[in-house]
PDB file of N, CA and C in Angstrom:
ATOM      1  N   UNK A   1      -6.719  -7.586   5.249  1.00  0.00           N
ATOM      2  CA  UNK A   1      -5.701  -7.065   4.483  1.00  0.00           C
ATOM      3  C   UNK A   1      -6.484  -6.269   3.211  1.00  0.00           C
ATOM      4  N   UNK A   2      -6.157  -5.227   2.776  1.00  0.00           N
ATOM      5  CA  UNK A   2      -6.628  -4.566   1.461  1.00  0.00           C
ATOM      6  C   UNK A   2      -5.741  -4.236   0.711  1.00  0.00           C
ATOM      7  N   UNK A   3      -6.474  -4.031  -0.508  1.00  0.00           N
ATOM      8  CA  UNK A   3      -5.880  -3.758  -1.843  1.00  0.00           C
ATOM      9  C   UNK A   3      -5.877  -2.162  -1.999  1.00  0.00           C
ATOM     10  N   UNK A   4      -4.568  -1.489  -2.503  1.00  0.00           N
ATOM     11  CA  UNK A   4      -4.650  -0.016  -2.697  1.00  0.00           C
ATOM     12  C   UNK A   4      -3.551   0.663  -3.478  1.00  0.00           C
ATOM     13  N   UNK A   5      -3.637   1.640  -4.250  1.00  0.00           N
ATOM     14  CA  UNK A   5      -2.674   2.047  -4.977  1.00  0.00           C
ATOM     15  C   UNK A   5      -2.180   3.401  -4.520  1.00  0.00           C
ATOM     16  N   UNK A   6      -0.898   3.217  -4.347  1.00  0.00           N
ATOM     17  CA  UNK A   6      -0.196   4.429  -3.814  1.00  0.00           C
ATOM     18  C   UNK A   6      -0.410   5.752  -4.797  1.00  0.00           C
ATOM     19  N   UNK A   7      -0.961   6.892  -4.224  1.00  0.00           N
ATOM     20  CA  UNK A   7      -1.461   7.654  -4.984  1.00  0.00           C
ATOM     21  C   UNK A   7      -0.541   9.333  -4.524  1.00  0.00           C
ATOM     22  N   UNK A   8       0.153   9.343  -3.526  1.00  0.00           N
ATOM     23  CA  UNK A   8       0.844  10.319  -3.074  1.00  0.00           C
ATOM     24  C   UNK A   8       1.529  10.260  -2.109  1.00  0.00           C
ATOM     25  N   UNK A   9       2.508  11.091  -1.742  1.00  0.00           N
ATOM     26  CA  UNK A   9       3.533  11.203  -0.419  1.00  0.00           C
ATOM     27  C   UNK A   9       2.859  12.026   0.608  1.00  0.00           C
ATOM     28  N   UNK A  10       3.409  11.752   1.666  1.00  0.00           N
ATOM     29  CA  UNK A  10       3.145  12.859   2.886  1.00  0.00           C
ATOM     30  C   UNK A  10       4.377  12.999   3.598  1.00  0.00           C
ATOM     31  N   UNK A  11       4.617  14.299   3.647  1.00  0.00           N
ATOM     32  CA  UNK A  11       5.695  14.716   4.639  1.00  0.00           C
ATOM     33  C   UNK A  11       5.297  15.335   5.892  1.00  0.00           C
ATOM     34  N   UNK A  12       6.043  15.107   6.943  1.00  0.00           N
ATOM     35  CA  UNK A  12       5.697  15.698   8.320  1.00  0.00           C
ATOM     36  C   UNK A  12       6.964  15.767   8.946  1.00  0.00           C
ATOM     37  N   UNK A  13       7.503  17.056   8.982  1.00  0.00           N
ATOM     38  CA  UNK A  13       8.671  17.326   9.722  1.00  0.00           C
ATOM     39  C   UNK A  13       8.663  17.360  11.099  1.00  0.00           C
ATOM     40  N   UNK A  14       7.477  17.675  11.620  1.00  0.00           N
ATOM     41  CA  UNK A  14       7.140  17.696  13.129  1.00  0.00           C
ATOM     42  C   UNK A  14       6.209  16.501  13.491  1.00  0.00           C
ATOM     43  N   UNK A  15       6.698  15.569  14.119  1.00  0.00           N
ATOM     44  CA  UNK A  15       5.857  14.333  14.375  1.00  0.00           C
ATOM     45  C   UNK A  15       6.566  13.708  15.961  1.00  0.00           C
ATOM     46  N   UNK A  16       5.483  13.014  16.053  1.00  0.00           N
ATOM     47  CA  UNK A  16       6.152  12.015  17.397  1.00  0.00           C
ATOM     48  C   UNK A  16       7.217  11.334  17.221  1.00  0.00           C
ATOM     49  N   UNK A  17       8.269  11.425  18.250  1.00  0.00           N
ATOM     50  CA  UNK A  17       9.524  10.658  18.026  1.00  0.00           C
ATOM     51  C   UNK A  17       9.554   9.346  17.579  1.00  0.00           C
ATOM     52  N   UNK A  18       8.229   8.694  17.933  1.00  0.00           N
ATOM     53  CA  UNK A  18       8.130   7.150  17.572  1.00  0.00           C
ATOM     54  C   UNK A  18       7.989   7.075  16.074  1.00  0.00           C
ATOM     55  N   UNK A  19       7.703   8.230  15.389  1.00  0.00           N
ATOM     56  CA  UNK A  19       7.306   7.870  13.944  1.00  0.00           C
ATOM     57  C   UNK A  19       8.650   8.124  13.125  1.00  0.00           C
ATOM     58  N   UNK A  20       9.583   8.563  13.744  1.00  0.00           N
ATOM     59  CA  UNK A  20      11.041   8.938  13.189  1.00  0.00           C
ATOM     60  C   UNK A  20      11.302   7.846  12.328  1.00  0.00           C
ATOM     61  N   UNK A  21      11.707   8.057  11.114  1.00  0.00           N
ATOM     62  CA  UNK A  21      12.331   7.094  10.110  1.00  0.00           C
ATOM     63  C   UNK A  21      11.310   6.282   9.193  1.00  0.00           C
ATOM     64  N   UNK A  22       9.906   6.718   9.537  1.00  0.00           N
ATOM     65  CA  UNK A  22       8.939   5.996   8.666  1.00  0.00           C
ATOM     66  C   UNK A  22       8.612   6.963   7.601  1.00  0.00           C
ATOM     67  N   UNK A  23       8.339   6.365   6.298  1.00  0.00           N
ATOM     68  CA  UNK A  23       7.980   7.034   5.080  1.00  0.00           C
ATOM     69  C   UNK A  23       6.360   7.037   5.048  1.00  0.00           C
ATOM     70  N   UNK A  24       5.678   7.807   4.912  1.00  0.00           N
ATOM     71  CA  UNK A  24       4.208   7.984   4.702  1.00  0.00           C
ATOM     72  C   UNK A  24       3.688   8.276   3.379  1.00  0.00           C
ATOM     73  N   UNK A  25       2.685   7.247   2.875  1.00  0.00           N
ATOM     74  CA  UNK A  25       2.106   7.713   1.715  1.00  0.00           C
ATOM     75  C   UNK A  25       0.620   7.685   1.640  1.00  0.00           C
ATOM     76  N   UNK A  26      -0.044   8.314   0.769  1.00  0.00           N
ATOM     77  CA  UNK A  26      -1.401   8.348   0.845  1.00  0.00           C
ATOM     78  C   UNK A  26      -1.857   7.322  -0.346  1.00  0.00           C
ATOM     79  N   UNK A  27      -2.725   6.504   0.226  1.00  0.00           N
ATOM     80  CA  UNK A  27      -3.251   5.052  -0.522  1.00  0.00           C
ATOM     81  C   UNK A  27      -4.730   5.124  -0.638  1.00  0.00           C
ATOM     82  N   UNK A  28      -5.177   4.808  -1.799  1.00  0.00           N
ATOM     83  CA  UNK A  28      -6.432   4.832  -2.276  1.00  0.00           C
ATOM     84  C   UNK A  28      -6.952   3.492  -2.176  1.00  0.00           C
ATOM     85  N   UNK A  29      -7.681   3.014  -1.554  1.00  0.00           N
ATOM     86  CA  UNK A  29      -8.133   1.607  -1.410  1.00  0.00           C
ATOM     87  C   UNK A  29      -9.009   1.123  -3.100  1.00  0.00           C
ATOM     88  N   UNK A  30      -8.543   0.126  -3.407  1.00  0.00           N
ATOM     89  CA  UNK A  30      -9.131  -0.660  -4.468  1.00  0.00           C
ATOM     90  C   UNK A  30     -10.156  -1.795  -4.418  1.00  0.00           C
ATOM     91  N   UNK A  31     -11.167  -1.880  -5.238  1.00  0.00           N
ATOM     92  CA  UNK A  31     -12.145  -2.922  -5.158  1.00  0.00           C
ATOM     93  C   UNK A  31     -11.364  -4.122  -5.760  1.00  0.00           C
ATOM     94  N   UNK A  32     -11.861  -5.447  -5.478  1.00  0.00           N
ATOM     95  CA  UNK A  32     -11.440  -6.671  -6.273  1.00  0.00           C
ATOM     96  C   UNK A  32     -11.043  -6.659  -7.630  1.00  0.00           C
ATOM     97  N   UNK A  33     -11.625  -5.648  -8.483  1.00  0.00           N
ATOM     98  CA  UNK A  33     -11.553  -5.543  -9.835  1.00  0.00           C
ATOM     99  C   UNK A  33     -10.392  -4.526  -9.954  1.00  0.00           C
ATOM    100  N   UNK A  34      -9.836  -4.014  -9.080  1.00  0.00           N
ATOM    101  CA  UNK A  34      -8.904  -2.902  -9.362  1.00  0.00           C
ATOM    102  C   UNK A  34      -9.402  -1.421  -9.454  1.00  0.00           C
ATOM    103  N   UNK A  35     -10.633  -1.202  -9.179  1.00  0.00           N
ATOM    104  CA  UNK A  35     -11.296   0.241  -9.256  1.00  0.00           C
ATOM    105  C   UNK A  35     -10.925   0.873  -8.219  1.00  0.00           C
ATOM    106  N   UNK A  36     -10.722   2.173  -8.398  1.00  0.00           N
ATOM    107  CA  UNK A  36     -10.479   2.997  -7.122  1.00  0.00           C
ATOM    108  C   UNK A  36     -11.894   3.208  -6.398  1.00  0.00           C
ATOM    109  N   UNK A  37     -11.666   3.157  -5.137  1.00  0.00           N
ATOM    110  CA  UNK A  37     -13.129   3.240  -4.395  1.00  0.00           C
ATOM    111  C   UNK A  37     -13.611   4.682  -3.942  1.00  0.00           C
ATOM    112  N   UNK A  38     -12.459   5.831  -3.796  1.00  0.00           N
ATOM    113  CA  UNK A  38     -12.422   7.040  -3.431  1.00  0.00           C
ATOM    114  C   UNK A  38     -12.266   6.897  -1.881  1.00  0.00           C
ATOM    115  N   UNK A  39     -11.909   6.008  -1.304  1.00  0.00           N
ATOM    116  CA  UNK A  39     -11.594   5.927   0.184  1.00  0.00           C
ATOM    117  C   UNK A  39     -10.112   5.974   0.295  1.00  0.00           C
ATOM    118  N   UNK A  40      -9.352   6.838   1.253  1.00  0.00           N
ATOM    119  CA  UNK A  40      -7.944   7.108   1.095  1.00  0.00           C
ATOM    120  C   UNK A  40      -7.834   7.010   2.479  1.00  0.00           C
ATOM    121  N   UNK A  41      -6.191   6.698   2.700  1.00  0.00           N
ATOM    122  CA  UNK A  41      -5.680   6.603   3.999  1.00  0.00           C
ATOM    123  C   UNK A  41      -4.278   6.935   3.966  1.00  0.00           C
ATOM    124  N   UNK A  42      -3.686   7.446   5.233  1.00  0.00           N
ATOM    125  CA  UNK A  42      -2.383   7.571   5.310  1.00  0.00           C
ATOM    126  C   UNK A  42      -1.625   6.477   5.792  1.00  0.00           C
ATOM    127  N   UNK A  43      -0.854   5.933   5.122  1.00  0.00           N
ATOM    128  CA  UNK A  43      -0.222   4.623   5.593  1.00  0.00           C
ATOM    129  C   UNK A  43       1.309   4.624   5.647  1.00  0.00           C
ATOM    130  N   UNK A  44       1.860   3.995   7.038  1.00  0.00           N
ATOM    131  CA  UNK A  44       3.400   3.943   6.833  1.00  0.00           C
ATOM    132  C   UNK A  44       3.963   2.873   6.032  1.00  0.00           C
ATOM    133  N   UNK A  45       5.098   3.129   5.243  1.00  0.00           N
ATOM    134  CA  UNK A  45       5.506   1.965   4.258  1.00  0.00           C
ATOM    135  C   UNK A  45       6.696   1.234   5.212  1.00  0.00           C
ATOM    136  N   UNK A  46       6.435  -0.210   4.988  1.00  0.00           N
ATOM    137  CA  UNK A  46       7.470  -0.969   5.775  1.00  0.00           C
ATOM    138  C   UNK A  46       8.195  -1.844   4.587  1.00  0.00           C
ATOM    139  N   UNK A  47       7.802  -1.728   3.156  1.00  0.00           N
ATOM    140  CA  UNK A  47       8.454  -2.504   2.278  1.00  0.00           C
ATOM    141  C   UNK A  47       9.098  -1.814   1.026  1.00  0.00           C
ATOM    142  N   UNK A  48       9.119  -0.323   1.129  1.00  0.00           N
ATOM    143  CA  UNK A  48       9.999   0.252  -0.091  1.00  0.00           C
ATOM    144  C   UNK A  48       8.956   0.657  -1.014  1.00  0.00           C
ATOM    145  N   UNK A  49       7.872   1.013  -0.972  1.00  0.00           N
ATOM    146  CA  UNK A  49       6.790   1.098  -1.996  1.00  0.00           C
ATOM    147  C   UNK A  49       7.022   2.440  -2.738  1.00  0.00           C
ATOM    148  N   UNK A  50       6.424   2.594  -3.819  1.00  0.00           N
ATOM    149  CA  UNK A  50       6.643   3.937  -4.293  1.00  0.00           C
ATOM    150  C   UNK A  50       5.306   4.292  -5.047  1.00  0.00           C
ATOM    151  N   UNK A  51       5.025   5.516  -5.465  1.00  0.00           N
ATOM    152  CA  UNK A  51       3.780   6.117  -6.086  1.00  0.00           C
ATOM    153  C   UNK A  51       3.569   5.430  -7.256  1.00  0.00           C
ATOM    154  N   UNK A  52       2.481   5.140  -7.311  1.00  0.00           N
ATOM    155  CA  UNK A  52       1.906   4.383  -8.474  1.00  0.00           C
ATOM    156  C   UNK A  52       1.750   3.076  -8.374  1.00  0.00           C
ATOM    157  N   UNK A  53       2.522   2.328  -7.287  1.00  0.00           N
ATOM    158  CA  UNK A  53       2.379   0.860  -7.149  1.00  0.00           C
ATOM    159  C   UNK A  53       1.027   0.561  -6.432  1.00  0.00           C
ATOM    160  N   UNK A  54       0.524  -0.641  -6.887  1.00  0.00           N
ATOM    161  CA  UNK A  54      -0.630  -1.317  -6.277  1.00  0.00           C
ATOM    162  C   UNK A  54       0.113  -2.123  -4.750  1.00  0.00           C
ATOM    163  N   UNK A  55      -0.408  -1.900  -3.853  1.00  0.00           N
ATOM    164  CA  UNK A  55      -0.133  -2.402  -2.571  1.00  0.00           C
ATOM    165  C   UNK A  55      -1.082  -3.130  -1.691  1.00  0.00           C
ATOM    166  N   UNK A  56      -0.400  -3.928  -0.864  1.00  0.00           N
ATOM    167  CA  UNK A  56      -1.321  -4.718   0.301  1.00  0.00           C
ATOM    168  C   UNK A  56      -0.973  -3.873   1.310  1.00  0.00           C
ATOM    169  N   UNK A  57      -2.144  -3.668   2.186  1.00  0.00           N
ATOM    170  CA  UNK A  57      -2.080  -2.747   3.285  1.00  0.00           C
ATOM    171  C   UNK A  57      -3.190  -3.254   4.450  1.00  0.00           C
ATOM    172  N   UNK A  58      -2.746  -2.886   5.567  1.00  0.00           N
ATOM    173  CA  UNK A  58      -3.669  -3.130   6.601  1.00  0.00           C
ATOM    174  C   UNK A  58      -3.894  -1.977   7.497  1.00  0.00           C
ATOM    175  N   UNK A  59      -5.023  -2.165   8.394  1.00  0.00           N
ATOM    176  CA  UNK A  59      -5.313  -1.004   9.151  1.00  0.00           C
ATOM    177  C   UNK A  59      -5.688  -1.535  10.471  1.00  0.00           C
ATOM    178  N   UNK A  60      -5.857  -0.522  11.659  1.00  0.00           N
ATOM    179  CA  UNK A  60      -6.244  -1.001  12.744  1.00  0.00           C
ATOM    180  C   UNK A  60      -4.955  -1.468  13.440  1.00  0.00           C
ATOM    181  N   UNK A  61      -5.132  -2.369  14.354  1.00  0.00           N
ATOM    182  CA  UNK A  61      -4.102  -3.024  15.341  1.00  0.00           C
ATOM    183  C   UNK A  61      -3.139  -3.720  14.486  1.00  0.00           C
ATOM    184  N   UNK A  62      -3.542  -4.323  13.403  1.00  0.00           N
ATOM    185  CA  UNK A  62      -2.885  -5.030  12.355  1.00  0.00           C
ATOM    186  C   UNK A  62      -1.602  -4.323  11.915  1.00  0.00           C
ATOM    187  N   UNK A  63      -1.757  -2.959  11.901  1.00  0.00           N
ATOM    188  CA  UNK A  63      -0.853  -2.105  11.213  1.00  0.00           C
ATOM    189  C   UNK A  63       0.398  -1.957  12.223  1.00  0.00           C
ATOM    190  N   UNK A  64       0.470  -2.377  13.269  1.00  0.00           N
ATOM    191  CA  UNK A  64       1.377  -2.054  14.406  1.00  0.00           C
ATOM    192  C   UNK A  64       2.242  -3.536  14.537  1.00  0.00           C
ATOM    193  N   UNK A  65       1.865  -4.500  13.720  1.00  0.00           N
ATOM    194  CA  UNK A  65       2.709  -5.738  13.625  1.00  0.00           C
ATOM    195  C   UNK A  65       3.826  -6.069  12.820  1.00  0.00           C
ATOM    196  N   UNK A  66       4.302  -5.070  12.099  1.00  0.00           N
ATOM    197  CA  UNK A  66       5.538  -5.161  11.250  1.00  0.00           C
ATOM    198  C   UNK A  66       6.759  -4.977  11.833  1.00  0.00           C
ATOM    199  N   UNK A  67       7.819  -5.205  11.397  1.00  0.00           N
ATOM    200  CA  UNK A  67       9.140  -4.756  12.227  1.00  0.00           C
ATOM    201  C   UNK A  67       8.891  -3.408  12.102  1.00  0.00           C
ATOM    202  N   UNK A  68       8.805  -2.578  11.074  1.00  0.00           N
ATOM    203  CA  UNK A  68       9.033  -1.257  11.028  1.00  0.00           C
ATOM    204  C   UNK A  68       8.191  -0.471  11.967  1.00  0.00           C
ATOM    205  N   UNK A  69       6.990  -0.948  12.257  1.00  0.00           N
ATOM    206  CA  UNK A  69       5.821  -0.126  13.112  1.00  0.00           C
ATOM    207  C   UNK A  69       5.667  -0.700  14.515  1.00  0.00           C
ATOM    208  N   UNK A  70       6.288  -1.768  14.770  1.00  0.00           N
ATOM    209  CA  UNK A  70       5.749  -2.355  16.125  1.00  0.00           C
ATOM    210  C   UNK A  70       6.103  -1.439  17.234  1.00  0.00           C
ATOM    211  N   UNK A  71       5.117  -1.179  18.080  1.00  0.00           N
ATOM    212  CA  UNK A  71       5.158  -0.185  19.274  1.00  0.00           C
ATOM    213  C   UNK A  71       5.187   1.399  18.731  1.00  0.00           C
ATOM    214  N   UNK A  72       4.452   1.417  17.562  1.00  0.00           N
ATOM    215  CA  UNK A  72       4.595   2.715  17.066  1.00  0.00           C
ATOM    216  C   UNK A  72       2.929   3.089  16.551  1.00  0.00           C
ATOM    217  N   UNK A  73       2.449   4.276  16.959  1.00  0.00           N
ATOM    218  CA  UNK A  73       1.355   4.731  16.670  1.00  0.00           C
ATOM    219  C   UNK A  73       0.849   4.877  15.261  1.00  0.00           C
ATOM    220  N   UNK A  74       0.929   3.521  14.557  1.00  0.00           N
ATOM    221  CA  UNK A  74       0.562   3.508  12.978  1.00  0.00           C
ATOM    222  C   UNK A  74      -0.689   3.056  13.167  1.00  0.00           C
ATOM    223  N   UNK A  75      -1.734   3.603  12.069  1.00  0.00           N
ATOM    224  CA  UNK A  75      -3.067   3.029  12.047  1.00  0.00           C
ATOM    225  C   UNK A  75      -3.243   2.455  10.532  1.00  0.00           C
ATOM    226  N   UNK A  76      -2.568   2.465   9.743  1.00  0.00           N
ATOM    227  CA  UNK A  76      -2.322   1.828   8.421  1.00  0.00           C
ATOM    228  C   UNK A  76      -0.827   1.671   8.078  1.00  0.00           C
ATOM    229  N   UNK A  77      -0.668   0.437   7.354  1.00  0.00           N
ATOM    230  CA  UNK A  77       0.629   0.083   7.069  1.00  0.00           C
ATOM    231  C   UNK A  77       0.760  -0.569   5.854  1.00  0.00           C
ATOM    232  N   UNK A  78       1.586  -0.325   4.832  1.00  0.00           N
ATOM    233  CA  UNK A  78       1.791  -0.809   3.597  1.00  0.00           C
ATOM    234  C   UNK A  78       2.866  -2.238   3.837  1.00  0.00           C
ATOM    235  N   UNK A  79       2.201  -3.456   3.671  1.00  0.00           N
ATOM    236  CA  UNK A  79       3.145  -4.451   3.929  1.00  0.00           C
ATOM    237  C   UNK A  79       3.359  -5.544   2.650  1.00  0.00           C
ATOM    238  N   UNK A  80       3.017  -5.119   1.492  1.00  0.00           N
ATOM    239  CA  UNK A  80       3.373  -5.698   0.355  1.00  0.00           C
ATOM    240  C   UNK A  80       3.041  -5.079  -1.036  1.00  0.00           C
ATOM    241  N   UNK A  81       3.935  -5.259  -2.109  1.00  0.00           N
ATOM    242  CA  UNK A  81       4.021  -4.774  -3.323  1.00  0.00           C
ATOM    243  C   UNK A  81       3.137  -5.775  -4.065  1.00  0.00           C
ATOM    244  N   UNK A  82       1.943  -5.543  -4.701  1.00  0.00           N
ATOM    245  CA  UNK A  82       1.188  -6.533  -5.529  1.00  0.00           C
ATOM    246  C   UNK A  82       2.050  -6.909  -6.936  1.00  0.00           C
ATOM    247  N   UNK A  83       2.275  -8.080  -7.224  1.00  0.00           N
ATOM    248  CA  UNK A  83       2.740  -8.534  -8.518  1.00  0.00           C
ATOM    249  C   UNK A  83       1.614  -8.770  -9.509  1.00  0.00           C
ATOM    250  N   UNK A  84       0.494  -9.439  -8.985  1.00  0.00           N
ATOM    251  CA  UNK A  84      -0.661  -9.770  -9.784  1.00  0.00           C
ATOM    252  C   UNK A  84      -1.871 -10.444  -8.767  1.00  0.00           C
ATOM    253  N   UNK A  85      -3.034 -10.364  -9.207  1.00  0.00           N
ATOM    254  CA  UNK A  85      -4.277 -11.054  -8.784  1.00  0.00           C
ATOM    255  C   UNK A  85      -5.204 -11.557  -9.621  1.00  0.00           C
ATOM    256  N   UNK A  86      -5.696 -12.563  -9.422  1.00  0.00           N
ATOM    257  CA  UNK A  86      -7.062 -12.757 -10.365  1.00  0.00           C
ATOM    258  C   UNK A  86      -8.237 -13.162  -9.401  1.00  0.00           C
ATOM    259  N   UNK A  87      -9.487 -12.957 -10.207  1.00  0.00           N
ATOM    260  CA  UNK A  87     -10.823 -12.982  -9.506  1.00  0.00           C
ATOM    261  C   UNK A  87     -11.393 -14.152 -10.228  1.00  0.00           C
ATOM    262  N   UNK A  88     -11.834 -15.257  -9.734  1.00  0.00           N
ATOM    263  CA  UNK A  88     -12.496 -16.166 -10.465  1.00  0.00           C
ATOM    264  C   UNK A  88     -12.064 -16.540 -11.636  1.00  0.00           C
ATOM    265  N   UNK A  89     -10.543 -16.932 -11.760  1.00  0.00           N
ATOM    266  CA  UNK A  89      -9.787 -17.301 -12.881  1.00  0.00           C
ATOM    267  C   UNK A  89      -9.423 -16.073 -13.868  1.00  0.00           C
ATOM    268  N   UNK A  90     -10.012 -14.954 -13.688  1.00  0.00           N
ATOM    269  CA  UNK A  90      -9.689 -13.902 -14.662  1.00  0.00           C
ATOM    270  C   UNK A  90      -8.556 -13.035 -14.076  1.00  0.00           C
ATOM    271  N   UNK A  91      -7.564 -12.645 -14.722  1.00  0.00           N
ATOM    272  CA  UNK A  91      -6.542 -11.666 -14.343  1.00  0.00           C
ATOM    273  C   UNK A  91      -6.976 -10.070 -14.224  1.00  0.00           C
ATOM    274  N   UNK A  92      -6.824 -10.002 -13.081  1.00  0.00           N
ATOM    275  CA  UNK A  92      -7.370  -8.568 -12.694  1.00  0.00           C
ATOM    276  C   UNK A  92      -6.424  -7.466 -12.977  1.00  0.00           C
ATOM    277  N   UNK A  93      -5.185  -7.862 -12.454  1.00  0.00           N
ATOM    278  CA  UNK A  93      -3.889  -6.878 -12.441  1.00  0.00           C
ATOM    279  C   UNK A  93      -2.665  -7.789 -12.543  1.00  0.00           C
ATOM    280  N   UNK A  94      -1.852  -7.115 -13.309  1.00  0.00           N
ATOM    281  CA  UNK A  94      -0.291  -7.788 -13.374  1.00  0.00           C
ATOM    282  C   UNK A  94       0.537  -6.508 -13.434  1.00  0.00           C
ATOM    283  N   UNK A  95       1.380  -6.570 -12.599  1.00  0.00           N
ATOM    284  CA  UNK A  95       2.365  -5.297 -12.279  1.00  0.00           C
ATOM    285  C   UNK A  95       3.121  -5.198 -13.588  1.00  0.00           C
ATOM    286  N   UNK A  96       3.426  -6.078 -14.355  1.00  0.00           N
ATOM    287  CA  UNK A  96       4.546  -5.498 -15.317  1.00  0.00           C
ATOM    288  C   UNK A  96       3.699  -5.238 -16.576  1.00  0.00           C
ATOM    289  N   UNK A  97       2.283  -5.360 -16.792  1.00  0.00           N
ATOM    290  CA  UNK A  97       1.526  -4.818 -17.519  1.00  0.00           C
ATOM    291  C   UNK A  97       1.359  -3.522 -17.200  1.00  0.00           C
ATOM    292  N   UNK A  98       1.054  -3.086 -15.863  1.00  0.00           N
ATOM    293  CA  UNK A  98       0.720  -1.922 -15.161  1.00  0.00           C
ATOM    294  C   UNK A  98       1.901  -1.024 -15.769  1.00  0.00           C
ATOM    295  N   UNK A  99       3.039  -1.236 -15.615  1.00  0.00           N
ATOM    296  CA  UNK A  99       4.186  -0.516 -15.774  1.00  0.00           C
ATOM    297  C   UNK A  99       4.552  -0.585 -17.388  1.00  0.00           C
ATOM    298  N   UNK A 100       3.699  -1.067 -18.417  1.00  0.00           N
ATOM    299  CA  UNK A 100       4.067  -0.967 -19.614  1.00  0.00           C
ATOM    300  C   UNK A 100       5.111  -1.932 -20.228  1.00  0.00           C
ATOM    301  N   UNK A 101       5.551  -2.953 -19.434  1.00  0.00           N
ATOM    302  CA  UNK A 101       6.308  -4.087 -19.885  1.00  0.00           C
ATOM    303  C   UNK A 101       5.649  -5.149 -20.555  1.00  0.00           C
ATOM    304  N   UNK A 102       6.041  -5.840 -21.459  1.00  0.00           N
ATOM    305  CA  UNK A 102       5.329  -6.865 -22.229  1.00  0.00           C
ATOM    306  C   UNK A 102       5.288  -8.126 -21.113  1.00  0.00           C
ATOM    307  N   UNK A 103       4.236  -8.881 -21.302  1.00  0.00           N
ATOM    308  CA  UNK A 103       4.169  -9.805 -20.367  1.00  0.00           C
ATOM    309  C   UNK A 103       3.687 -11.272 -21.084  1.00  0.00           C
ATOM    310  N   UNK A 104       4.141 -12.394 -21.140  1.00  0.00           N
ATOM    311  CA  UNK A 104       4.017 -13.653 -21.703  1.00  0.00           C
ATOM    312  C   UNK A 104       2.648 -14.262 -20.903  1.00  0.00           C
ATOM    313  N   UNK A 105       1.726 -14.865 -21.564  1.00  0.00           N
ATOM    314  CA  UNK A 105       0.457 -15.624 -20.987  1.00  0.00           C
ATOM    315  C   UNK A 105       0.517 -16.824 -21.219  1.00  0.00           C
TER     316      UNK A 105
END
């Protein structure tokens, strides 16, 4: 599983019928400190993510193991919206702070 940030949307009106009903996003991979890596993927959304959110995504055959993508030709799938993570006891990201909301520590 990988960390990424949804940086854009992708619209495709002509696509394989198996992809019907899926929403697609452009996701930039993040390192463990939350910095952008410059690596981008097109990912199917299985959780209702939105632009600007930090997400957990998978690629390869794992991308086809969600209820939304099973049996579909997906190579990357968003399967979680990240609330927070820490690295070696140091908070790296908290969604409420990223959204501008005050957070108690």
